[in-house]
Amino acid sequence: MRITAFRSRLAEEFGPLRADTIARDHVFAALGSRTVDQALDAGISTKEIWRAVCDSFEVPAERR
């Protein structure tokens, strides 16, 4: 998935302001103790990042 699609999906799920905060500030153990922004900079795939976000915030399967 492209980064723009990933960012859109994040905003749809959490709202634009919260999505920005999650991407910038929330550290995910599944991403090697990185934030979403750090994981993207490190080259981790958006699919892997999306899975980590969904698992961490218990996003229902139908919206993953």
PDB file of N, CA and C in Angstrom:
ATOM      1  N   MET A   1       0.847  -1.158   0.000  1.00  0.00           N
ATOM      2  CA  MET A   1       0.000   0.000   0.000  1.00  0.00           C
ATOM      3  C   MET A   1       0.903   1.235   0.000  1.00  0.00           C
ATOM      4  N   ARG A   2       0.508   2.227  -0.740  1.00  0.00           N
ATOM      5  CA  ARG A   2       1.285   3.472  -0.805  1.00  0.00           C
ATOM      6  C   ARG A   2       1.145   4.250   0.499  1.00  0.00           C
ATOM      7  N   ILE A   3       2.131   5.083   0.770  1.00  0.00           N
ATOM      8  CA  ILE A   3       2.113   5.864   2.006  1.00  0.00           C
ATOM      9  C   ILE A   3       0.888   6.772   2.059  1.00  0.00           C
ATOM     10  N   THR A   4       0.505   7.363   0.932  1.00  0.00           N
ATOM     11  CA  THR A   4      -0.677   8.239   0.935  1.00  0.00           C
ATOM     12  C   THR A   4      -1.939   7.451   1.279  1.00  0.00           C
ATOM     13  N   ALA A   5      -2.069   6.234   0.755  1.00  0.00           N
ATOM     14  CA  ALA A   5      -3.218   5.390   1.087  1.00  0.00           C
ATOM     15  C   ALA A   5      -3.183   4.993   2.560  1.00  0.00           C
ATOM     16  N   PHE A   6      -1.991   4.695   3.056  1.00  0.00           N
ATOM     17  CA  PHE A   6      -1.832   4.354   4.471  1.00  0.00           C
ATOM     18  C   PHE A   6      -2.261   5.524   5.354  1.00  0.00           C
ATOM     19  N   ARG A   7      -1.790   6.718   5.027  1.00  0.00           N
ATOM     20  CA  ARG A   7      -2.148   7.910   5.825  1.00  0.00           C
ATOM     21  C   ARG A   7      -3.650   8.168   5.772  1.00  0.00           C
ATOM     22  N   SER A   8      -4.251   7.967   4.617  1.00  0.00           N
ATOM     23  CA  SER A   8      -5.703   8.145   4.482  1.00  0.00           C
ATOM     24  C   SER A   8      -6.453   7.138   5.346  1.00  0.00           C
ATOM     25  N   ARG A   9      -6.011   5.908   5.310  1.00  0.00           N
ATOM     26  CA  ARG A   9      -6.649   4.857   6.111  1.00  0.00           C
ATOM     27  C   ARG A   9      -6.517   5.158   7.602  1.00  0.00           C
ATOM     28  N   LEU A  10      -5.357   5.624   8.007  1.00  0.00           N
ATOM     29  CA  LEU A  10      -5.125   5.986   9.408  1.00  0.00           C
ATOM     30  C   LEU A  10      -6.076   7.114   9.830  1.00  0.00           C
ATOM     31  N   ALA A  11      -6.213   8.117   8.977  1.00  0.00           N
ATOM     32  CA  ALA A  11      -7.109   9.250   9.270  1.00  0.00           C
ATOM     33  C   ALA A  11      -8.570   8.821   9.288  1.00  0.00           C
ATOM     34  N   GLU A  12      -8.956   7.916   8.398  1.00  0.00           N
ATOM     35  CA  GLU A  12     -10.333   7.418   8.388  1.00  0.00           C
ATOM     36  C   GLU A  12     -10.661   6.666   9.670  1.00  0.00           C
ATOM     37  N   GLU A  13      -9.705   5.898  10.157  1.00  0.00           N
ATOM     38  CA  GLU A  13      -9.937   5.078  11.350  1.00  0.00           C
ATOM     39  C   GLU A  13      -9.931   5.904  12.629  1.00  0.00           C
ATOM     40  N   PHE A  14      -9.016   6.857  12.732  1.00  0.00           N
ATOM     41  CA  PHE A  14      -8.818   7.563  13.999  1.00  0.00           C
ATOM     42  C   PHE A  14      -9.171   9.046  13.971  1.00  0.00           C
ATOM     43  N   GLY A  15      -9.494   9.565  12.803  1.00  0.00           N
ATOM     44  CA  GLY A  15      -9.709  11.001  12.660  1.00  0.00           C
ATOM     45  C   GLY A  15      -8.372  11.667  12.367  1.00  0.00           C
ATOM     46  N   PRO A  16      -8.376  12.777  11.626  1.00  0.00           N
ATOM     47  CA  PRO A  16      -7.116  13.379  11.171  1.00  0.00           C
ATOM     48  C   PRO A  16      -6.184  13.822  12.305  1.00  0.00           C
ATOM     49  N   LEU A  17      -6.717  14.433  13.339  1.00  0.00           N
ATOM     50  CA  LEU A  17      -5.846  14.919  14.417  1.00  0.00           C
ATOM     51  C   LEU A  17      -5.237  13.774  15.221  1.00  0.00           C
ATOM     52  N   ARG A  18      -6.077  12.816  15.580  1.00  0.00           N
ATOM     53  CA  ARG A  18      -5.560  11.685  16.355  1.00  0.00           C
ATOM     54  C   ARG A  18      -4.597  10.851  15.517  1.00  0.00           C
ATOM     55  N   ALA A  19      -4.878  10.700  14.236  1.00  0.00           N
ATOM     56  CA  ALA A  19      -3.984   9.945  13.351  1.00  0.00           C
ATOM     57  C   ALA A  19      -2.596  10.578  13.324  1.00  0.00           C
ATOM     58  N   ASP A  20      -2.535  11.902  13.242  1.00  0.00           N
ATOM     59  CA  ASP A  20      -1.239  12.597  13.259  1.00  0.00           C
ATOM     60  C   ASP A  20      -0.510  12.365  14.574  1.00  0.00           C
ATOM     61  N   THR A  21      -1.251  12.425  15.672  1.00  0.00           N
ATOM     62  CA  THR A  21      -0.649  12.204  16.989  1.00  0.00           C
ATOM     63  C   THR A  21      -0.141  10.776  17.125  1.00  0.00           C
ATOM     64  N   ILE A  22      -0.945   9.811  16.694  1.00  0.00           N
ATOM     65  CA  ILE A  22      -0.520   8.408  16.754  1.00  0.00           C
ATOM     66  C   ILE A  22       0.740   8.204  15.925  1.00  0.00           C
ATOM     67  N   ALA A  23       0.760   8.745  14.726  1.00  0.00           N
ATOM     68  CA  ALA A  23       1.915   8.563  13.829  1.00  0.00           C
ATOM     69  C   ALA A  23       3.182   9.190  14.401  1.00  0.00           C
ATOM     70  N   ARG A  24       3.024  10.288  15.073  1.00  0.00           N
ATOM     71  CA  ARG A  24       4.184  11.036  15.572  1.00  0.00           C
ATOM     72  C   ARG A  24       4.644  10.578  16.955  1.00  0.00           C
ATOM     73  N   ASP A  25       3.692  10.203  17.832  1.00  0.00           N
ATOM     74  CA  ASP A  25       4.020  10.039  19.252  1.00  0.00           C
ATOM     75  C   ASP A  25       3.908   8.627  19.817  1.00  0.00           C
ATOM     76  N   HIS A  26       3.066   7.791  19.256  1.00  0.00           N
ATOM     77  CA  HIS A  26       2.836   6.462  19.840  1.00  0.00           C
ATOM     78  C   HIS A  26       3.946   5.506  19.410  1.00  0.00           C
ATOM     79  N   VAL A  27       4.594   4.888  20.378  1.00  0.00           N
ATOM     80  CA  VAL A  27       5.685   3.946  20.117  1.00  0.00           C
ATOM     81  C   VAL A  27       5.113   2.530  20.118  1.00  0.00           C
ATOM     82  N   PHE A  28       5.389   1.789  19.059  1.00  0.00           N
ATOM     83  CA  PHE A  28       4.872   0.436  18.891  1.00  0.00           C
ATOM     84  C   PHE A  28       5.999  -0.573  19.079  1.00  0.00           C
ATOM     85  N   ALA A  29       5.841  -1.467  20.044  1.00  0.00           N
ATOM     86  CA  ALA A  29       6.836  -2.515  20.279  1.00  0.00           C
ATOM     87  C   ALA A  29       7.001  -3.383  19.030  1.00  0.00           C
ATOM     88  N   ALA A  30       5.891  -3.661  18.332  1.00  0.00           N
ATOM     89  CA  ALA A  30       5.929  -4.508  17.138  1.00  0.00           C
ATOM     90  C   ALA A  30       6.727  -3.885  15.999  1.00  0.00           C
ATOM     91  N   LEU A  31       7.003  -2.596  16.104  1.00  0.00           N
ATOM     92  CA  LEU A  31       7.795  -1.903  15.075  1.00  0.00           C
ATOM     93  C   LEU A  31       9.201  -1.598  15.584  1.00  0.00           C
ATOM     94  N   GLY A  32       9.659  -2.381  16.545  1.00  0.00           N
ATOM     95  CA  GLY A  32      11.006  -2.180  17.075  1.00  0.00           C
ATOM     96  C   GLY A  32      11.109  -0.933  17.927  1.00  0.00           C
ATOM     97  N   SER A  33      10.051  -0.661  18.688  1.00  0.00           N
ATOM     98  CA  SER A  33       9.985   0.528  19.552  1.00  0.00           C
ATOM     99  C   SER A  33      10.125   1.818  18.747  1.00  0.00           C
ATOM    100  N   ARG A  34       9.427   1.844  17.620  1.00  0.00           N
ATOM    101  CA  ARG A  34       9.403   3.023  16.749  1.00  0.00           C
ATOM    102  C   ARG A  34       7.981   3.573  16.684  1.00  0.00           C
ATOM    103  N   THR A  35       7.885   4.843  16.331  1.00  0.00           N
ATOM    104  CA  THR A  35       6.600   5.425  15.989  1.00  0.00           C
ATOM    105  C   THR A  35       6.294   5.060  14.538  1.00  0.00           C
ATOM    106  N   VAL A  36       5.082   5.360  14.092  1.00  0.00           N
ATOM    107  CA  VAL A  36       4.733   5.135  12.687  1.00  0.00           C
ATOM    108  C   VAL A  36       5.677   5.918  11.784  1.00  0.00           C
ATOM    109  N   ASP A  37       5.901   7.195  12.102  1.00  0.00           N
ATOM    110  CA  ASP A  37       6.778   8.028  11.268  1.00  0.00           C
ATOM    111  C   ASP A  37       8.202   7.474  11.219  1.00  0.00           C
ATOM    112  N   GLN A  38       8.703   7.017  12.352  1.00  0.00           N
ATOM    113  CA  GLN A  38      10.054   6.442  12.387  1.00  0.00           C
ATOM    114  C   GLN A  38      10.114   5.140  11.602  1.00  0.00           C
ATOM    115  N   ALA A  39       9.068   4.339  11.702  1.00  0.00           N
ATOM    116  CA  ALA A  39       9.023   3.072  10.969  1.00  0.00           C
ATOM    117  C   ALA A  39       9.006   3.324   9.462  1.00  0.00           C
ATOM    118  N   LEU A  40       8.231   4.313   9.027  1.00  0.00           N
ATOM    119  CA  LEU A  40       8.221   4.658   7.606  1.00  0.00           C
ATOM    120  C   LEU A  40       9.606   5.118   7.155  1.00  0.00           C
ATOM    121  N   ASP A  41      10.237   5.960   7.951  1.00  0.00           N
ATOM    122  CA  ASP A  41      11.591   6.435   7.625  1.00  0.00           C
ATOM    123  C   ASP A  41      12.601   5.286   7.577  1.00  0.00           C
ATOM    124  N   ALA A  42      12.361   4.257   8.390  1.00  0.00           N
ATOM    125  CA  ALA A  42      13.265   3.101   8.440  1.00  0.00           C
ATOM    126  C   ALA A  42      13.004   2.115   7.301  1.00  0.00           C
ATOM    127  N   GLY A  43      11.961   2.376   6.509  1.00  0.00           N
ATOM    128  CA  GLY A  43      11.683   1.518   5.370  1.00  0.00           C
ATOM    129  C   GLY A  43      10.797   0.323   5.664  1.00  0.00           C
ATOM    130  N   ILE A  44      10.168   0.294   6.812  1.00  0.00           N
ATOM    131  CA  ILE A  44       9.246  -0.788   7.140  1.00  0.00           C
ATOM    132  C   ILE A  44       8.008  -0.629   6.266  1.00  0.00           C
ATOM    133  N   SER A  45       7.486  -1.728   5.766  1.00  0.00           N
ATOM    134  CA  SER A  45       6.353  -1.665   4.843  1.00  0.00           C
ATOM    135  C   SER A  45       5.107  -1.112   5.529  1.00  0.00           C
ATOM    136  N   THR A  46       4.309  -0.406   4.747  1.00  0.00           N
ATOM    137  CA  THR A  46       3.079   0.168   5.294  1.00  0.00           C
ATOM    138  C   THR A  46       2.119  -0.930   5.754  1.00  0.00           C
ATOM    139  N   LYS A  47       2.140  -2.082   5.102  1.00  0.00           N
ATOM    140  CA  LYS A  47       1.286  -3.197   5.533  1.00  0.00           C
ATOM    141  C   LYS A  47       1.666  -3.666   6.932  1.00  0.00           C
ATOM    142  N   GLU A  48       2.954  -3.788   7.182  1.00  0.00           N
ATOM    143  CA  GLU A  48       3.427  -4.206   8.503  1.00  0.00           C
ATOM    144  C   GLU A  48       3.076  -3.156   9.556  1.00  0.00           C
ATOM    145  N   ILE A  49       3.238  -1.909   9.201  1.00  0.00           N
ATOM    146  CA  ILE A  49       2.911  -0.820  10.130  1.00  0.00           C
ATOM    147  C   ILE A  49       1.415  -0.811  10.424  1.00  0.00           C
ATOM    148  N   TRP A  50       0.589  -0.956   9.380  1.00  0.00           N
ATOM    149  CA  TRP A  50      -0.860  -0.965   9.566  1.00  0.00           C
ATOM    150  C   TRP A  50      -1.274  -2.119  10.484  1.00  0.00           C
ATOM    151  N   ARG A  51      -0.685  -3.290  10.299  1.00  0.00           N
ATOM    152  CA  ARG A  51      -0.988  -4.430  11.178  1.00  0.00           C
ATOM    153  C   ARG A  51      -0.646  -4.111  12.629  1.00  0.00           C
ATOM    154  N   ALA A  52       0.495  -3.482  12.853  1.00  0.00           N
ATOM    155  CA  ALA A  52       0.902  -3.126  14.215  1.00  0.00           C
ATOM    156  C   ALA A  52      -0.072  -2.126  14.834  1.00  0.00           C
ATOM    157  N   VAL A  53      -0.487  -1.132  14.060  1.00  0.00           N
ATOM    158  CA  VAL A  53      -1.449  -0.143  14.550  1.00  0.00           C
ATOM    159  C   VAL A  53      -2.769  -0.830  14.891  1.00  0.00           C
ATOM    160  N   CYS A  54      -3.256  -1.652  13.980  1.00  0.00           N
ATOM    161  CA  CYS A  54      -4.534  -2.340  14.196  1.00  0.00           C
ATOM    162  C   CYS A  54      -4.487  -3.250  15.417  1.00  0.00           C
ATOM    163  N   ASP A  55      -3.398  -3.988  15.578  1.00  0.00           N
ATOM    164  CA  ASP A  55      -3.260  -4.865  16.739  1.00  0.00           C
ATOM    165  C   ASP A  55      -3.214  -4.058  18.032  1.00  0.00           C
ATOM    166  N   SER A  56      -2.462  -2.993  18.032  1.00  0.00           N
ATOM    167  CA  SER A  56      -2.300  -2.180  19.230  1.00  0.00           C
ATOM    168  C   SER A  56      -3.598  -1.504  19.664  1.00  0.00           C
ATOM    169  N   PHE A  57      -4.376  -1.041  18.692  1.00  0.00           N
ATOM    170  CA  PHE A  57      -5.608  -0.312  18.999  1.00  0.00           C
ATOM    171  C   PHE A  57      -6.862  -1.174  18.823  1.00  0.00           C
ATOM    172  N   GLU A  58      -6.669  -2.487  18.642  1.00  0.00           N
ATOM    173  CA  GLU A  58      -7.765  -3.441  18.526  1.00  0.00           C
ATOM    174  C   GLU A  58      -8.809  -3.015  17.487  1.00  0.00           C
ATOM    175  N   VAL A  59      -8.323  -2.666  16.312  1.00  0.00           N
ATOM    176  CA  VAL A  59      -9.202  -2.318  15.198  1.00  0.00           C
ATOM    177  C   VAL A  59      -9.908  -3.603  14.751  1.00  0.00           C
ATOM    178  N   PRO A  60     -11.239  -3.571  14.627  1.00  0.00           N
ATOM    179  CA  PRO A  60     -11.967  -4.780  14.217  1.00  0.00           C
ATOM    180  C   PRO A  60     -11.486  -5.300  12.859  1.00  0.00           C
ATOM    181  N   ALA A  61     -11.562  -6.607  12.705  1.00  0.00           N
ATOM    182  CA  ALA A  61     -11.057  -7.274  11.504  1.00  0.00           C
ATOM    183  C   ALA A  61     -11.648  -6.715  10.216  1.00  0.00           C
ATOM    184  N   GLU A  62     -12.911  -6.338  10.230  1.00  0.00           N
ATOM    185  CA  GLU A  62     -13.541  -5.847   9.001  1.00  0.00           C
ATOM    186  C   GLU A  62     -12.998  -4.496   8.542  1.00  0.00           C
ATOM    187  N   ARG A  63     -12.260  -3.795   9.410  1.00  0.00           N
ATOM    188  CA  ARG A  63     -11.683  -2.496   9.023  1.00  0.00           C
ATOM    189  C   ARG A  63     -10.160  -2.566   8.878  1.00  0.00           C
ATOM    190  N   ARG A  64      -9.591  -3.744   8.939  1.00  0.00           N
ATOM    191  CA  ARG A  64      -8.128  -3.871   8.837  1.00  0.00           C
ATOM    192  C   ARG A  64      -7.671  -3.872   7.411  1.00  0.00           C
TER     193      ARG A  64
END
